Amino acid sequence: GGGLVQAGGSLGLSCAASGRPFSVGAMGWFRQAPGKERE
């Protein structure tokens, strides 16, 4: 779902889990800009 969007616009991301174990617990999103720490 990533891509290029203009300021003020919207974008939707998705993340699918697969493999073993068959389910996961809590999930989250982090981001990292060039030259910055992951947040």
Full PDB file with SEQRES, HELIX, SHEET, SSBOND, CRYST1, ORIGX, SCALE, CONECT and MASTER records, all heavy atoms in Angstrom:
SEQRES   1 A   39  GLY GLY GLY LEU VAL GLN ALA GLY GLY SER LEU GLY LEU          
SEQRES   2 A   39  SER CYS ALA ALA SER GLY ARG PRO PHE SER VAL GLY ALA          
SEQRES   3 A   39  MET GLY TRP PHE ARG GLN ALA PRO GLY LYS GLU ARG GLU          
CRYST1    1.000    1.000    1.000  90.00  90.00  90.00 P 1           1          
ORIGX1      1.000000  0.000000  0.000000        0.00000                         
ORIGX2      0.000000  1.000000  0.000000        0.00000                         
ORIGX3      0.000000  0.000000  1.000000        0.00000                         
SCALE1      1.000000  0.000000  0.000000        0.00000                         
SCALE2      0.000000  1.000000  0.000000        0.00000                         
SCALE3      0.000000  0.000000  1.000000        0.00000                         
ATOM      1  N   GLY A   1       0.771  -1.225   0.000  1.00  0.00           N  
ATOM      2  CA  GLY A   1       0.000   0.000   0.000  1.00  0.00           C  
ATOM      3  C   GLY A   1       0.805   1.280   0.000  1.00  0.00           C  
ATOM      4  O   GLY A   1       0.232   2.366  -0.105  1.00  0.00           O  
ATOM      5  N   GLY A   2       2.117   1.190   0.119  1.00  0.00           N  
ATOM      6  CA  GLY A   2       2.940   2.386   0.105  1.00  0.00           C  
ATOM      7  C   GLY A   2       2.948   3.038  -1.266  1.00  0.00           C  
ATOM      8  O   GLY A   2       2.557   2.430  -2.265  1.00  0.00           O  
ATOM      9  N   GLY A   3       3.390   4.281  -1.307  1.00  0.00           N  
ATOM     10  CA  GLY A   3       3.444   4.996  -2.567  1.00  0.00           C  
ATOM     11  C   GLY A   3       3.635   6.478  -2.374  1.00  0.00           C  
ATOM     12  O   GLY A   3       4.020   6.937  -1.302  1.00  0.00           O  
ATOM     13  N   LEU A   4       3.351   7.218  -3.423  1.00  0.00           N  
ATOM     14  CA  LEU A   4       3.499   8.671  -3.437  1.00  0.00           C  
ATOM     15  C   LEU A   4       2.130   9.321  -3.331  1.00  0.00           C  
ATOM     16  O   LEU A   4       1.197   8.945  -4.049  1.00  0.00           O  
ATOM     17  CB  LEU A   4       4.191   9.114  -4.724  1.00  0.00           C  
ATOM     18  CG  LEU A   4       4.338  10.608  -4.971  1.00  0.00           C  
ATOM     19  CD1 LEU A   4       5.253  11.230  -3.915  1.00  0.00           C  
ATOM     20  CD2 LEU A   4       4.882  10.856  -6.366  1.00  0.00           C  
ATOM     21  N   VAL A   5       2.014  10.299  -2.445  1.00  0.00           N  
ATOM     22  CA  VAL A   5       0.749  10.999  -2.248  1.00  0.00           C  
ATOM     23  C   VAL A   5       1.038  12.465  -1.957  1.00  0.00           C  
ATOM     24  O   VAL A   5       2.087  12.801  -1.403  1.00  0.00           O  
ATOM     25  CB  VAL A   5      -0.066  10.355  -1.105  1.00  0.00           C  
ATOM     26  CG1 VAL A   5       0.664  10.495   0.221  1.00  0.00           C  
ATOM     27  CG2 VAL A   5      -1.458  10.949  -1.021  1.00  0.00           C  
ATOM     28  N   GLN A   6       0.129  13.336  -2.341  1.00  0.00           N  
ATOM     29  CA  GLN A   6       0.287  14.761  -2.070  1.00  0.00           C  
ATOM     30  C   GLN A   6      -0.086  15.085  -0.635  1.00  0.00           C  
ATOM     31  O   GLN A   6      -0.905  14.404  -0.018  1.00  0.00           O  
ATOM     32  CB  GLN A   6      -0.581  15.591  -3.020  1.00  0.00           C  
ATOM     33  CG  GLN A   6      -0.113  15.598  -4.452  1.00  0.00           C  
ATOM     34  CD  GLN A   6      -0.929  16.523  -5.319  1.00  0.00           C  
ATOM     35  OE1 GLN A   6      -2.140  16.372  -5.430  1.00  0.00           O  
ATOM     36  NE2 GLN A   6      -0.271  17.496  -5.926  1.00  0.00           N  
ATOM     37  N   ALA A   7       0.521  16.138  -0.105  1.00  0.00           N  
ATOM     38  CA  ALA A   7       0.193  16.593   1.243  1.00  0.00           C  
ATOM     39  C   ALA A   7      -1.305  16.840   1.362  1.00  0.00           C  
ATOM     40  O   ALA A   7      -1.931  17.400   0.463  1.00  0.00           O  
ATOM     41  CB  ALA A   7       0.974  17.857   1.580  1.00  0.00           C  
ATOM     42  N   GLY A   8      -1.864  16.405   2.480  1.00  0.00           N  
ATOM     43  CA  GLY A   8      -3.294  16.528   2.703  1.00  0.00           C  
ATOM     44  C   GLY A   8      -4.085  15.331   2.245  1.00  0.00           C  
ATOM     45  O   GLY A   8      -5.272  15.204   2.577  1.00  0.00           O  
ATOM     46  N   GLY A   9      -3.454  14.447   1.503  1.00  0.00           N  
ATOM     47  CA  GLY A   9      -4.120  13.267   0.989  1.00  0.00           C  
ATOM     48  C   GLY A   9      -4.123  12.111   1.971  1.00  0.00           C  
ATOM     49  O   GLY A   9      -3.670  12.236   3.113  1.00  0.00           O  
ATOM     50  N   SER A  10      -4.619  10.980   1.501  1.00  0.00           N  
ATOM     51  CA  SER A  10      -4.737   9.790   2.335  1.00  0.00           C  
ATOM     52  C   SER A  10      -4.088   8.594   1.663  1.00  0.00           C  
ATOM     53  O   SER A  10      -3.967   8.534   0.437  1.00  0.00           O  
ATOM     54  CB  SER A  10      -6.207   9.467   2.613  1.00  0.00           C  
ATOM     55  OG  SER A  10      -6.835  10.510   3.327  1.00  0.00           O  
ATOM     56  N   LEU A  11      -3.697   7.632   2.473  1.00  0.00           N  
ATOM     57  CA  LEU A  11      -3.089   6.409   1.981  1.00  0.00           C  
ATOM     58  C   LEU A  11      -3.353   5.306   3.001  1.00  0.00           C  
ATOM     59  O   LEU A  11      -3.289   5.550   4.207  1.00  0.00           O  
ATOM     60  CB  LEU A  11      -1.590   6.602   1.787  1.00  0.00           C  
ATOM     61  CG  LEU A  11      -0.835   5.611   0.894  1.00  0.00           C  
ATOM     62  CD1 LEU A  11      -1.340   5.691  -0.540  1.00  0.00           C  
ATOM     63  CD2 LEU A  11       0.657   5.912   0.936  1.00  0.00           C  
ATOM     64  N   GLY A  12      -3.648   4.111   2.516  1.00  0.00           N  
ATOM     65  CA  GLY A  12      -3.887   2.988   3.396  1.00  0.00           C  
ATOM     66  C   GLY A  12      -2.829   1.912   3.232  1.00  0.00           C  
ATOM     67  O   GLY A  12      -2.500   1.523   2.111  1.00  0.00           O  
ATOM     68  N   LEU A  13      -2.291   1.436   4.345  1.00  0.00           N  
ATOM     69  CA  LEU A  13      -1.302   0.373   4.343  1.00  0.00           C  
ATOM     70  C   LEU A  13      -1.916  -0.897   4.917  1.00  0.00           C  
ATOM     71  O   LEU A  13      -2.804  -0.837   5.764  1.00  0.00           O  
ATOM     72  CB  LEU A  13      -0.075   0.745   5.178  1.00  0.00           C  
ATOM     73  CG  LEU A  13       0.651   2.047   4.850  1.00  0.00           C  
ATOM     74  CD1 LEU A  13       1.840   2.219   5.783  1.00  0.00           C  
ATOM     75  CD2 LEU A  13       1.085   2.075   3.400  1.00  0.00           C  
ATOM     76  N   SER A  14      -1.441  -2.032   4.479  1.00  0.00           N  
ATOM     77  CA  SER A  14      -1.862  -3.299   5.045  1.00  0.00           C  
ATOM     78  C   SER A  14      -0.647  -4.180   5.264  1.00  0.00           C  
ATOM     79  O   SER A  14       0.384  -4.011   4.622  1.00  0.00           O  
ATOM     80  CB  SER A  14      -2.883  -4.007   4.144  1.00  0.00           C  
ATOM     81  OG  SER A  14      -2.309  -4.353   2.901  1.00  0.00           O  
ATOM     82  N   CYS A  15      -0.782  -5.119   6.178  1.00  0.00           N  
ATOM     83  CA  CYS A  15       0.304  -6.031   6.507  1.00  0.00           C  
ATOM     84  C   CYS A  15      -0.299  -7.383   6.850  1.00  0.00           C  
ATOM     85  O   CYS A  15      -1.088  -7.490   7.792  1.00  0.00           O  
ATOM     86  CB  CYS A  15       1.116  -5.479   7.678  1.00  0.00           C  
ATOM     87  SG  CYS A  15       2.317  -6.636   8.371  1.00  0.00           S  
ATOM     88  N   ALA A  16       0.077  -8.403   6.097  1.00  0.00           N  
ATOM     89  CA  ALA A  16      -0.442  -9.746   6.305  1.00  0.00           C  
ATOM     90  C   ALA A  16       0.626 -10.639   6.925  1.00  0.00           C  
ATOM     91  O   ALA A  16       1.766 -10.664   6.458  1.00  0.00           O  
ATOM     92  CB  ALA A  16      -0.918 -10.342   4.986  1.00  0.00           C  
ATOM     93  N   ALA A  17       0.242 -11.372   7.954  1.00  0.00           N  
ATOM     94  CA  ALA A  17       1.134 -12.306   8.622  1.00  0.00           C  
ATOM     95  C   ALA A  17       0.855 -13.723   8.137  1.00  0.00           C  
ATOM     96  O   ALA A  17      -0.301 -14.120   7.949  1.00  0.00           O  
ATOM     97  CB  ALA A  17       0.958 -12.237  10.132  1.00  0.00           C  
ATOM     98  N   SER A  18       1.914 -14.493   7.948  1.00  0.00           N  
ATOM     99  CA  SER A  18       1.770 -15.876   7.524  1.00  0.00           C  
ATOM    100  C   SER A  18       2.866 -16.720   8.154  1.00  0.00           C  
ATOM    101  O   SER A  18       3.807 -16.202   8.736  1.00  0.00           O  
ATOM    102  CB  SER A  18       1.822 -15.984   5.997  1.00  0.00           C  
ATOM    103  OG  SER A  18       3.079 -15.542   5.507  1.00  0.00           O  
ATOM    104  N   GLY A  19       2.732 -18.029   8.032  1.00  0.00           N  
ATOM    105  CA  GLY A  19       3.713 -18.941   8.582  1.00  0.00           C  
ATOM    106  C   GLY A  19       3.340 -19.425   9.976  1.00  0.00           C  
ATOM    107  O   GLY A  19       2.221 -19.235  10.439  1.00  0.00           O  
ATOM    108  N   ARG A  20       4.271 -20.060  10.646  1.00  0.00           N  
ATOM    109  CA  ARG A  20       4.071 -20.569  11.993  1.00  0.00           C  
ATOM    110  C   ARG A  20       4.745 -19.684  13.026  1.00  0.00           C  
ATOM    111  O   ARG A  20       5.871 -19.237  12.800  1.00  0.00           O  
ATOM    112  CB  ARG A  20       4.624 -21.991  12.086  1.00  0.00           C  
ATOM    113  CG  ARG A  20       3.947 -22.986  11.167  1.00  0.00           C  
ATOM    114  CD  ARG A  20       4.625 -24.337  11.244  1.00  0.00           C  
ATOM    115  NE  ARG A  20       4.004 -25.303  10.356  1.00  0.00           N  
ATOM    116  CZ  ARG A  20       3.023 -26.124  10.697  1.00  0.00           C  
ATOM    117  NH1 ARG A  20       2.533 -26.103  11.931  1.00  0.00           N  
ATOM    118  NH2 ARG A  20       2.521 -26.967   9.811  1.00  0.00           N  
ATOM    119  N   PRO A  21       4.108 -19.437  14.168  1.00  0.00           N  
ATOM    120  CA  PRO A  21       2.771 -19.887  14.561  1.00  0.00           C  
ATOM    121  C   PRO A  21       1.683 -19.296  13.664  1.00  0.00           C  
ATOM    122  O   PRO A  21       1.933 -18.341  12.914  1.00  0.00           O  
ATOM    123  CB  PRO A  21       2.635 -19.418  16.005  1.00  0.00           C  
ATOM    124  CG  PRO A  21       3.511 -18.225  16.071  1.00  0.00           C  
ATOM    125  CD  PRO A  21       4.694 -18.555  15.210  1.00  0.00           C  
ATOM    126  N   PHE A  22       0.494 -19.843  13.759  1.00  0.00           N  
ATOM    127  CA  PHE A  22      -0.579 -19.466  12.853  1.00  0.00           C  
ATOM    128  C   PHE A  22      -1.253 -18.149  13.206  1.00  0.00           C  
ATOM    129  O   PHE A  22      -1.982 -17.592  12.379  1.00  0.00           O  
ATOM    130  CB  PHE A  22      -1.627 -20.581  12.783  1.00  0.00           C  
ATOM    131  CG  PHE A  22      -1.088 -21.865  12.228  1.00  0.00           C  
ATOM    132  CD1 PHE A  22      -0.921 -22.975  13.038  1.00  0.00           C  
ATOM    133  CD2 PHE A  22      -0.736 -21.960  10.894  1.00  0.00           C  
ATOM    134  CE1 PHE A  22      -0.420 -24.155  12.533  1.00  0.00           C  
ATOM    135  CE2 PHE A  22      -0.226 -23.141  10.370  1.00  0.00           C  
ATOM    136  CZ  PHE A  22      -0.068 -24.242  11.192  1.00  0.00           C  
ATOM    137  N   SER A  23      -1.042 -17.658  14.403  1.00  0.00           N  
ATOM    138  CA  SER A  23      -1.616 -16.389  14.802  1.00  0.00           C  
ATOM    139  C   SER A  23      -0.580 -15.579  15.565  1.00  0.00           C  
ATOM    140  O   SER A  23       0.409 -16.122  16.067  1.00  0.00           O  
ATOM    141  CB  SER A  23      -2.870 -16.591  15.663  1.00  0.00           C  
ATOM    142  OG  SER A  23      -2.560 -17.270  16.868  1.00  0.00           O  
ATOM    143  N   VAL A  24      -0.799 -14.281  15.646  1.00  0.00           N  
ATOM    144  CA  VAL A  24       0.099 -13.392  16.368  1.00  0.00           C  
ATOM    145  C   VAL A  24      -0.694 -12.608  17.402  1.00  0.00           C  
ATOM    146  O   VAL A  24      -1.922 -12.594  17.385  1.00  0.00           O  
ATOM    147  CB  VAL A  24       0.829 -12.417  15.415  1.00  0.00           C  
ATOM    148  CG1 VAL A  24       1.724 -13.185  14.453  1.00  0.00           C  
ATOM    149  CG2 VAL A  24      -0.175 -11.569  14.648  1.00  0.00           C  
ATOM    150  N   GLY A  25       0.015 -11.947  18.304  1.00  0.00           N  
ATOM    151  CA  GLY A  25      -0.627 -11.146  19.328  1.00  0.00           C  
ATOM    152  C   GLY A  25      -0.815  -9.717  18.870  1.00  0.00           C  
ATOM    153  O   GLY A  25      -1.331  -9.460  17.784  1.00  0.00           O  
ATOM    154  N   ALA A  26      -0.385  -8.775  19.706  1.00  0.00           N  
ATOM    155  CA  ALA A  26      -0.484  -7.366  19.336  1.00  0.00           C  
ATOM    156  C   ALA A  26       0.354  -7.077  18.091  1.00  0.00           C  
ATOM    157  O   ALA A  26       1.369  -7.740  17.838  1.00  0.00           O  
ATOM    158  CB  ALA A  26      -0.028  -6.490  20.495  1.00  0.00           C  
ATOM    159  N   MET A  27      -0.063  -6.093  17.327  1.00  0.00           N  
ATOM    160  CA  MET A  27       0.665  -5.702  16.130  1.00  0.00           C  
ATOM    161  C   MET A  27       0.866  -4.196  16.146  1.00  0.00           C  
ATOM    162  O   MET A  27       0.165  -3.469  16.858  1.00  0.00           O  
ATOM    163  CB  MET A  27      -0.075  -6.136  14.867  1.00  0.00           C  
ATOM    164  CG  MET A  27      -0.292  -7.637  14.785  1.00  0.00           C  
ATOM    165  SD  MET A  27      -1.068  -8.186  13.234  1.00  0.00           S  
ATOM    166  CE  MET A  27       0.329  -8.032  12.096  1.00  0.00           C  
ATOM    167  N   GLY A  28       1.827  -3.733  15.358  1.00  0.00           N  
ATOM    168  CA  GLY A  28       2.108  -2.311  15.350  1.00  0.00           C  
ATOM    169  C   GLY A  28       2.753  -1.843  14.059  1.00  0.00           C  
ATOM    170  O   GLY A  28       3.110  -2.641  13.190  1.00  0.00           O  
ATOM    171  N   TRP A  29       2.870  -0.537  13.957  1.00  0.00           N  
ATOM    172  CA  TRP A  29       3.544   0.110  12.841  1.00  0.00           C  
ATOM    173  C   TRP A  29       4.621   1.042  13.371  1.00  0.00           C  
ATOM    174  O   TRP A  29       4.396   1.780  14.336  1.00  0.00           O  
ATOM    175  CB  TRP A  29       2.561   0.922  11.994  1.00  0.00           C  
ATOM    176  CG  TRP A  29       1.594   0.099  11.204  1.00  0.00           C  
ATOM    177  CD1 TRP A  29       0.345  -0.280  11.562  1.00  0.00           C  
ATOM    178  CD2 TRP A  29       1.818  -0.432   9.885  1.00  0.00           C  
ATOM    179  NE1 TRP A  29      -0.238  -1.022  10.560  1.00  0.00           N  
ATOM    180  CE2 TRP A  29       0.647  -1.130   9.524  1.00  0.00           C  
ATOM    181  CE3 TRP A  29       2.882  -0.386   8.988  1.00  0.00           C  
ATOM    182  CZ2 TRP A  29       0.512  -1.777   8.294  1.00  0.00           C  
ATOM    183  CZ3 TRP A  29       2.753  -1.031   7.773  1.00  0.00           C  
ATOM    184  CH2 TRP A  29       1.579  -1.715   7.436  1.00  0.00           C  
ATOM    185  N   PHE A  30       5.786   0.995  12.752  1.00  0.00           N  
ATOM    186  CA  PHE A  30       6.886   1.897  13.030  1.00  0.00           C  
ATOM    187  C   PHE A  30       7.310   2.540  11.717  1.00  0.00           C  
ATOM    188  O   PHE A  30       6.972   2.045  10.643  1.00  0.00           O  
ATOM    189  CB  PHE A  30       8.064   1.152  13.660  1.00  0.00           C  
ATOM    190  CG  PHE A  30       7.789   0.626  15.040  1.00  0.00           C  
ATOM    191  CD1 PHE A  30       7.005  -0.499  15.235  1.00  0.00           C  
ATOM    192  CD2 PHE A  30       8.327   1.257  16.154  1.00  0.00           C  
ATOM    193  CE1 PHE A  30       6.748  -0.987  16.505  1.00  0.00           C  
ATOM    194  CE2 PHE A  30       8.089   0.774  17.435  1.00  0.00           C  
ATOM    195  CZ  PHE A  30       7.297  -0.337  17.609  1.00  0.00           C  
ATOM    196  N   ARG A  31       8.053   3.632  11.793  1.00  0.00           N  
ATOM    197  CA  ARG A  31       8.541   4.262  10.572  1.00  0.00           C  
ATOM    198  C   ARG A  31       9.939   4.818  10.783  1.00  0.00           C  
ATOM    199  O   ARG A  31      10.346   5.126  11.902  1.00  0.00           O  
ATOM    200  CB  ARG A  31       7.592   5.374  10.104  1.00  0.00           C  
ATOM    201  CG  ARG A  31       7.538   6.587  11.021  1.00  0.00           C  
ATOM    202  CD  ARG A  31       6.469   7.555  10.553  1.00  0.00           C  
ATOM    203  NE  ARG A  31       6.425   8.762  11.363  1.00  0.00           N  
ATOM    204  CZ  ARG A  31       5.528   9.722  11.245  1.00  0.00           C  
ATOM    205  NH1 ARG A  31       4.571   9.622  10.316  1.00  0.00           N  
ATOM    206  NH2 ARG A  31       5.568  10.782  12.036  1.00  0.00           N  
ATOM    207  N   GLN A  32      10.668   4.952   9.679  1.00  0.00           N  
ATOM    208  CA  GLN A  32      12.019   5.484   9.738  1.00  0.00           C  
ATOM    209  C   GLN A  32      12.264   6.385   8.535  1.00  0.00           C  
ATOM    210  O   GLN A  32      12.189   5.936   7.393  1.00  0.00           O  
ATOM    211  CB  GLN A  32      13.053   4.358   9.772  1.00  0.00           C  
ATOM    212  CG  GLN A  32      14.476   4.842   9.975  1.00  0.00           C  
ATOM    213  CD  GLN A  32      15.437   3.712  10.260  1.00  0.00           C  
ATOM    214  OE1 GLN A  32      15.206   2.561   9.856  1.00  0.00           O  
ATOM    215  NE2 GLN A  32      16.513   4.007  10.956  1.00  0.00           N  
ATOM    216  N   ALA A  33      12.548   7.651   8.809  1.00  0.00           N  
ATOM    217  CA  ALA A  33      12.897   8.611   7.780  1.00  0.00           C  
ATOM    218  C   ALA A  33      14.411   8.619   7.597  1.00  0.00           C  
ATOM    219  O   ALA A  33      15.155   8.259   8.511  1.00  0.00           O  
ATOM    220  CB  ALA A  33      12.398  10.000   8.162  1.00  0.00           C  
ATOM    221  N   PRO A  34      14.900   9.036   6.423  1.00  0.00           N  
ATOM    222  CA  PRO A  34      16.349   9.074   6.191  1.00  0.00           C  
ATOM    223  C   PRO A  34      17.074   9.893   7.254  1.00  0.00           C  
ATOM    224  O   PRO A  34      16.677  11.015   7.561  1.00  0.00           O  
ATOM    225  CB  PRO A  34      16.467   9.725   4.819  1.00  0.00           C  
ATOM    226  CG  PRO A  34      15.187   9.385   4.137  1.00  0.00           C  
ATOM    227  CD  PRO A  34      14.151   9.443   5.225  1.00  0.00           C  
ATOM    228  N   GLY A  35      18.130   9.318   7.816  1.00  0.00           N  
ATOM    229  CA  GLY A  35      18.926  10.011   8.808  1.00  0.00           C  
ATOM    230  C   GLY A  35      18.315  10.084  10.188  1.00  0.00           C  
ATOM    231  O   GLY A  35      18.878  10.741  11.067  1.00  0.00           O  
ATOM    232  N   LYS A  36      17.188   9.423  10.397  1.00  0.00           N  
ATOM    233  CA  LYS A  36      16.522   9.466  11.688  1.00  0.00           C  
ATOM    234  C   LYS A  36      16.365   8.072  12.280  1.00  0.00           C  
ATOM    235  O   LYS A  36      16.473   7.069  11.580  1.00  0.00           O  
ATOM    236  CB  LYS A  36      15.142  10.117  11.561  1.00  0.00           C  
ATOM    237  CG  LYS A  36      15.171  11.585  11.164  1.00  0.00           C  
ATOM    238  CD  LYS A  36      13.781  12.180  11.183  1.00  0.00           C  
ATOM    239  CE  LYS A  36      13.796  13.655  10.853  1.00  0.00           C  
ATOM    240  NZ  LYS A  36      12.428  14.242  10.887  1.00  0.00           N  
ATOM    241  N   GLU A  37      16.107   8.037  13.579  1.00  0.00           N  
ATOM    242  CA  GLU A  37      15.859   6.779  14.270  1.00  0.00           C  
ATOM    243  C   GLU A  37      14.484   6.249  13.894  1.00  0.00           C  
ATOM    244  O   GLU A  37      13.573   7.008  13.564  1.00  0.00           O  
ATOM    245  CB  GLU A  37      15.929   6.985  15.784  1.00  0.00           C  
ATOM    246  CG  GLU A  37      17.261   7.498  16.309  1.00  0.00           C  
ATOM    247  CD  GLU A  37      18.291   6.412  16.421  1.00  0.00           C  
ATOM    248  OE1 GLU A  37      17.913   5.233  16.580  1.00  0.00           O  
ATOM    249  OE2 GLU A  37      19.490   6.726  16.346  1.00  0.00           O  
ATOM    250  N   ARG A  38      14.330   4.951  13.960  1.00  0.00           N  
ATOM    251  CA  ARG A  38      13.017   4.368  13.756  1.00  0.00           C  
ATOM    252  C   ARG A  38      12.120   4.747  14.934  1.00  0.00           C  
ATOM    253  O   ARG A  38      12.547   4.695  16.090  1.00  0.00           O  
ATOM    254  CB  ARG A  38      13.117   2.850  13.624  1.00  0.00           C  
ATOM    255  CG  ARG A  38      11.786   2.180  13.337  1.00  0.00           C  
ATOM    256  CD  ARG A  38      11.941   0.916  12.522  1.00  0.00           C  
ATOM    257  NE  ARG A  38      12.771  -0.075  13.162  1.00  0.00           N  
ATOM    258  CZ  ARG A  38      13.099  -1.251  12.618  1.00  0.00           C  
ATOM    259  NH1 ARG A  38      12.650  -1.565  11.409  1.00  0.00           N  
ATOM    260  NH2 ARG A  38      13.865  -2.095  13.274  1.00  0.00           N  
ATOM    261  N   GLU A  39      10.882   5.133  14.643  1.00  0.00           N  
ATOM    262  CA  GLU A  39       9.990   5.604  15.680  1.00  0.00           C  
ATOM    263  C   GLU A  39       8.651   4.882  15.634  1.00  0.00           C  
ATOM    264  O   GLU A  39       8.197   4.417  14.590  1.00  0.00           O  
ATOM    265  CB  GLU A  39       9.767   7.115  15.568  1.00  0.00           C  
ATOM    266  CG  GLU A  39       9.055   7.545  14.292  1.00  0.00           C  
ATOM    267  CD  GLU A  39       8.800   9.039  14.240  1.00  0.00           C  
ATOM    268  OE1 GLU A  39       9.128   9.746  15.212  1.00  0.00           O  
ATOM    269  OE2 GLU A  39       8.270   9.505  13.208  1.00  0.00           O  
TER     270      GLU A  39                                                      
MASTER        0    0    0    0    0    0    0    6  269    1    0    3          
END                                                                             
